[in-house]
Amino acid sequence: MRRDLRIVAVTMLLGAGWLAVEHGRVALADMSTFRVRDVEVRGARFIERDQVVTLLRLEPETSVWTDPIVWIERLERHPLILEADVSRRLPGGLVVTIRERRPVALAPAPALQPLDEHGVWLPVDPATYRLDLPIIASDRQRAPDARYAPGPVRALAAEVGRLMSADTAFLQRVSELSWEEDRSLRVRWTDPPVDFIMPPSTPVGRLREGLHALADAGARDPRNPPDEIDLRFADQVVVRRTPEQ
C-alpha cells in the first residue's frame, strides 16, 4: 500500500514539474526578448543562407522557443538538404546546421543536371560550381517536376556513389557511364581512352585486376593500347584492342 502511494506521489510530482516546464516555456515564448532576430547557417555550400531562412518561414513574432521539429521538417523537404538541425542561441538567435546532398553525377534533364547517389535531382548549376562529375548517358530524361531520376539513371547514380566511397582514384578518371544490353556497366575513361565493362557492384579487388591488365597491356604494346577491359567473366580479364590499320 505504501509503495503504491509513493508511486502515485512521484507521478504527481513529475506531472506537476512537466506542467511547470511547459507553462514556463509558453511564458518565455510570449516575451519579445526571445523573438528570432538572427539566424546562423552552417554546412551550406550550394544552398544560400537566404534560402534557408525563407524555408524556416519565420514571422516577426516567432520565438526561439518554438518546437524546432517544425523547422527541421520544413528544411528537409528541400531537395538539397539531406539532414537538418536547429538549435537556440539565446536570447534571440537560431543556429541551423544542414548536411547537403552530395552531387555524384550529371544526367540529362534535358540539360545536364546534378543528382545525388539516391537519384535525387539537385537544383545546382554545374557551371557556377564547376562540378567535374561523370556523365550518365541515357535516353531517359527527367519527367516534369520529378524529384527522382528514372530507374535506370537512378541505378547508375548509385553505382557512382558506390565508386566514390570505394575507389576515388578510379572514379576520378571516369567521364561517362551507361548500361549495356545485358545490364552490365560500360564505364568510360578519357585518360587513357578505354572502356571498362563490368557487372553492377563490382568489388574493388576486381577493379584492381582490371587496372593491372590495362597497365600490362599498355606496357606490352604502347602503340596500340586496349579499347576495352572486360570484367564480366569470372577469374579472367578480357582485353580488347582495335586492330591496327
Protein backbone atom coordinates (compact mmCIF):
# COMPACT_ATOMS: atom_id res chain seq x y z
CA MET A 1 0.00 0.00 0.00
CA ARG A 2 2.75 2.40 0.94
CA ARG A 3 4.60 1.54 -2.24
CA ASP A 4 1.52 2.38 -4.30
CA LEU A 5 1.16 5.69 -2.51
CA ARG A 6 4.81 6.52 -3.24
CA ILE A 7 4.32 5.76 -6.93
CA VAL A 8 1.26 8.00 -7.06
CA ALA A 9 3.12 10.79 -5.25
CA VAL A 10 6.13 10.60 -7.59
CA THR A 11 3.84 10.57 -10.62
CA MET A 12 2.01 13.66 -9.37
CA LEU A 13 5.30 15.46 -8.74
CA LEU A 14 6.61 14.61 -12.21
CA GLY A 15 3.37 15.71 -13.77
CA ALA A 16 3.45 18.97 -11.88
CA GLY A 17 7.07 19.51 -12.92
CA TRP A 18 6.23 18.88 -16.57
CA LEU A 19 3.32 21.31 -16.42
CA ALA A 20 5.58 23.91 -14.82
CA VAL A 21 8.17 23.48 -17.57
CA GLU A 22 5.55 23.76 -20.30
CA HIS A 23 3.95 26.77 -18.64
CA GLY A 24 7.39 28.38 -18.34
CA ARG A 25 8.15 27.70 -21.99
CA VAL A 26 4.87 29.23 -23.11
CA ALA A 27 5.54 32.27 -20.94
CA LEU A 28 9.04 32.67 -22.39
CA ALA A 29 7.71 32.28 -25.95
CA ASP A 30 5.47 35.29 -25.38
CA MET A 31 8.39 37.52 -24.38
CA SER A 32 9.74 39.86 -27.05
CA THR A 33 13.28 39.20 -25.77
CA PHE A 34 13.15 35.69 -27.24
CA ARG A 35 11.82 36.56 -30.68
CA VAL A 36 14.07 35.35 -33.50
CA ARG A 37 16.29 38.17 -34.73
CA ASP A 38 19.30 36.30 -36.11
CA VAL A 39 19.86 33.02 -37.97
CA GLU A 40 23.29 31.46 -38.42
CA VAL A 41 23.54 28.78 -41.12
CA ARG A 42 26.26 26.14 -41.01
CA GLY A 43 27.20 23.43 -43.51
CA ALA A 44 25.78 25.11 -46.61
CA ARG A 45 27.67 25.06 -49.87
CA PHE A 46 25.07 25.01 -52.63
CA ILE A 47 22.08 26.49 -50.84
CA GLU A 48 22.15 30.18 -49.95
CA ARG A 49 21.61 31.44 -46.42
CA ASP A 50 18.59 33.48 -47.52
CA GLN A 51 17.02 30.36 -48.99
CA VAL A 52 17.45 28.56 -45.68
CA VAL A 53 15.87 31.44 -43.76
CA THR A 54 12.96 31.51 -46.21
CA LEU A 55 12.39 27.78 -45.68
CA LEU A 56 12.03 28.37 -41.92
CA ARG A 57 9.04 30.66 -42.61
CA LEU A 58 9.73 32.90 -39.63
CA GLU A 59 7.17 35.52 -38.59
CA PRO A 60 8.03 38.77 -36.73
CA GLU A 61 6.65 37.24 -33.52
CA THR A 62 8.34 33.82 -33.92
CA SER A 63 10.09 32.77 -30.71
CA VAL A 64 13.28 30.78 -30.33
CA TRP A 65 11.22 28.54 -28.04
CA THR A 66 9.21 27.24 -30.99
CA ASP A 67 9.45 23.45 -31.29
CA PRO A 68 12.46 23.00 -33.66
CA ILE A 69 10.95 19.90 -35.28
CA VAL A 70 8.65 22.25 -37.23
CA TRP A 71 11.65 24.00 -38.78
CA ILE A 72 13.57 20.75 -39.36
CA GLU A 73 10.67 19.23 -41.31
CA ARG A 74 10.43 22.33 -43.49
CA LEU A 75 14.15 22.30 -44.21
CA GLU A 76 14.34 18.60 -45.06
CA ARG A 77 11.65 18.95 -47.72
CA HIS A 78 14.15 20.86 -49.85
CA PRO A 79 15.87 18.57 -52.41
CA LEU A 80 19.34 19.85 -51.49
CA ILE A 81 19.03 19.20 -47.75
CA LEU A 82 19.60 15.65 -46.55
CA GLU A 83 19.57 16.38 -42.81
CA ALA A 84 18.96 19.48 -40.72
CA ASP A 85 19.20 20.52 -37.09
CA VAL A 86 18.09 23.73 -35.39
CA SER A 87 19.35 24.89 -32.01
CA ARG A 88 18.79 28.04 -29.95
CA ARG A 89 21.34 30.72 -29.25
CA LEU A 90 19.71 32.82 -26.58
CA PRO A 91 18.25 35.27 -26.35
CA GLY A 92 17.15 35.74 -30.00
CA GLY A 93 19.24 33.56 -32.26
CA LEU A 94 18.93 30.26 -34.11
CA VAL A 95 21.76 28.06 -35.40
CA VAL A 96 20.76 25.98 -38.42
CA THR A 97 23.13 23.12 -39.27
CA ILE A 98 22.49 21.29 -42.51
CA ARG A 99 24.01 18.37 -44.37
CA GLU A 100 23.54 18.79 -48.08
CA ARG A 101 23.05 16.03 -50.59
CA ARG A 102 26.27 15.24 -52.44
CA PRO A 103 26.27 15.61 -56.24
CA VAL A 104 27.83 12.50 -57.77
CA ALA A 105 26.96 12.68 -61.48
CA LEU A 106 25.30 14.67 -64.25
CA ALA A 107 22.35 13.36 -66.23
CA PRO A 108 20.04 14.74 -68.95
CA ALA A 109 17.07 16.69 -67.58
CA PRO A 110 17.10 17.55 -70.59
CA ALA A 111 20.12 19.80 -69.99
CA LEU A 112 22.73 18.15 -67.79
CA GLN A 113 21.74 18.42 -64.14
CA PRO A 114 23.43 17.05 -61.00
CA LEU A 115 21.91 14.26 -58.96
CA ASP A 116 22.95 12.50 -55.77
CA GLU A 117 23.64 8.80 -55.23
CA HIS A 118 19.95 8.19 -54.47
CA GLY A 119 18.93 9.65 -57.82
CA VAL A 120 17.51 12.89 -56.41
CA TRP A 121 17.72 15.79 -58.85
CA LEU A 122 19.64 18.67 -57.31
CA PRO A 123 18.91 22.32 -58.18
CA VAL A 124 22.57 23.22 -58.69
CA ASP A 125 24.10 24.93 -61.72
CA PRO A 126 27.10 22.77 -62.80
CA ALA A 127 28.79 25.73 -64.49
CA THR A 128 28.52 28.02 -61.47
CA TYR A 129 30.13 25.49 -59.16
CA ARG A 130 32.41 23.91 -61.80
CA LEU A 131 31.25 20.41 -60.98
CA ASP A 132 33.68 17.91 -62.51
CA LEU A 133 31.42 14.86 -62.42
CA PRO A 134 30.89 11.81 -64.66
CA ILE A 135 28.01 11.94 -67.10
CA ILE A 136 25.26 9.34 -67.05
CA ALA A 137 24.40 8.51 -70.67
CA SER A 138 20.72 7.69 -71.02
CA ASP A 139 17.77 8.44 -73.28
CA ARG A 140 15.55 8.54 -70.18
CA GLN A 141 15.11 12.17 -69.24
CA ARG A 142 13.60 13.85 -66.22
CA ALA A 143 9.83 13.94 -66.03
CA PRO A 144 8.39 17.41 -65.31
CA ASP A 145 8.69 18.30 -61.61
CA ALA A 146 10.04 14.82 -60.77
CA ARG A 147 12.12 14.61 -57.59
CA TYR A 148 13.83 11.35 -58.59
CA ALA A 149 15.56 10.37 -61.82
CA PRO A 150 14.16 7.46 -63.90
CA GLY A 151 15.03 4.00 -62.60
CA PRO A 152 17.97 3.21 -64.93
CA VAL A 153 19.53 6.62 -64.29
CA ARG A 154 19.00 6.25 -60.54
CA ALA A 155 20.72 2.87 -60.59
CA LEU A 156 23.75 4.35 -62.37
CA ALA A 157 23.87 7.18 -59.84
CA ALA A 158 24.01 4.57 -57.09
CA GLU A 159 26.96 2.93 -58.85
CA VAL A 160 28.79 6.27 -58.98
CA GLY A 161 28.11 6.80 -55.27
CA ARG A 162 29.48 3.35 -54.51
CA LEU A 163 32.64 4.01 -56.55
CA MET A 164 33.06 7.37 -54.84
CA SER A 165 33.21 5.60 -51.48
CA ALA A 166 35.14 2.53 -52.61
CA ASP A 167 37.73 3.77 -55.12
CA THR A 168 38.01 7.53 -55.59
CA ALA A 169 41.10 7.22 -57.79
CA PHE A 170 39.23 5.03 -60.29
CA LEU A 171 36.21 7.33 -60.32
CA GLN A 172 38.29 10.45 -60.93
CA ARG A 173 39.10 9.20 -64.46
CA VAL A 174 35.53 8.24 -65.32
CA SER A 175 33.89 10.50 -67.90
CA GLU A 176 30.69 8.58 -68.69
CA LEU A 177 28.59 5.62 -67.55
CA SER A 178 25.87 3.71 -69.37
CA TRP A 179 24.05 0.38 -69.35
CA GLU A 180 24.83 -2.44 -71.78
CA GLU A 181 22.05 -4.63 -73.15
CA ASP A 182 22.95 -7.42 -70.72
CA ARG A 183 22.60 -4.96 -67.78
CA SER A 184 26.34 -4.72 -67.28
CA LEU A 185 28.01 -1.33 -66.93
CA ARG A 186 30.09 0.46 -69.50
CA VAL A 187 32.40 2.87 -67.67
CA ARG A 188 34.39 5.15 -69.94
CA TRP A 189 37.75 6.70 -69.14
CA THR A 190 39.15 9.57 -71.19
CA ASP A 191 42.76 9.32 -69.99
CA PRO A 192 43.70 6.79 -71.19
CA PRO A 193 40.71 6.32 -73.52
CA VAL A 194 39.38 2.91 -72.53
CA ASP A 195 36.04 1.38 -71.56
CA PHE A 196 35.60 -0.92 -68.57
CA ILE A 197 32.71 -3.36 -68.94
CA MET A 198 31.67 -4.85 -65.63
CA PRO A 199 28.73 -6.12 -63.60
CA PRO A 200 26.97 -3.80 -61.14
CA SER A 201 28.59 -3.61 -57.70
CA THR A 202 31.95 -4.85 -58.98
CA PRO A 203 34.21 -5.14 -55.92
CA VAL A 204 37.35 -3.05 -55.55
CA GLY A 205 39.59 -6.10 -55.85
CA ARG A 206 38.12 -6.88 -59.26
CA LEU A 207 38.71 -3.29 -60.39
CA ARG A 208 42.34 -3.67 -59.35
CA GLU A 209 42.63 -6.73 -61.57
CA GLY A 210 41.28 -4.71 -64.49
CA LEU A 211 43.72 -1.88 -63.84
CA HIS A 212 46.61 -4.34 -63.67
CA ALA A 213 45.55 -5.86 -67.02
CA LEU A 214 45.33 -2.37 -68.55
CA ALA A 215 48.83 -1.46 -67.36
CA ASP A 216 50.27 -4.76 -68.54
CA ALA A 217 48.67 -4.48 -71.99
CA GLY A 218 49.89 -0.92 -72.40
CA ALA A 219 53.43 -1.91 -71.49
CA ARG A 220 53.43 -4.80 -73.96
CA ASP A 221 52.21 -2.72 -76.91
CA PRO A 222 52.41 1.02 -76.21
CA ARG A 223 51.45 1.94 -79.78
CA ASN A 224 48.18 0.02 -79.65
CA PRO A 225 46.62 0.37 -76.16
CA PRO A 226 43.43 -1.53 -75.25
CA ASP A 227 39.98 -0.18 -76.09
CA GLU A 228 38.09 -2.36 -73.60
CA ILE A 229 38.76 -4.09 -70.31
CA ASP A 230 36.00 -6.65 -69.77
CA LEU A 231 35.42 -7.79 -66.18
CA ARG A 232 32.20 -9.73 -66.70
CA PHE A 233 33.75 -13.19 -66.69
CA ALA A 234 34.81 -14.94 -63.50
CA ASP A 235 38.54 -15.48 -62.95
CA GLN A 236 39.62 -13.70 -66.12
CA VAL A 237 40.02 -10.23 -67.57
CA VAL A 238 39.39 -9.86 -71.29
CA VAL A 239 41.48 -7.18 -73.02
CA ARG A 240 40.29 -5.99 -76.44
CA ARG A 241 42.08 -3.82 -78.98
CA THR A 242 41.09 -2.23 -82.24
CA PRO A 243 43.23 -3.90 -84.93
CA GLU A 244 45.99 -1.66 -86.25
CA GLN A 245 45.34 -0.27 -89.70
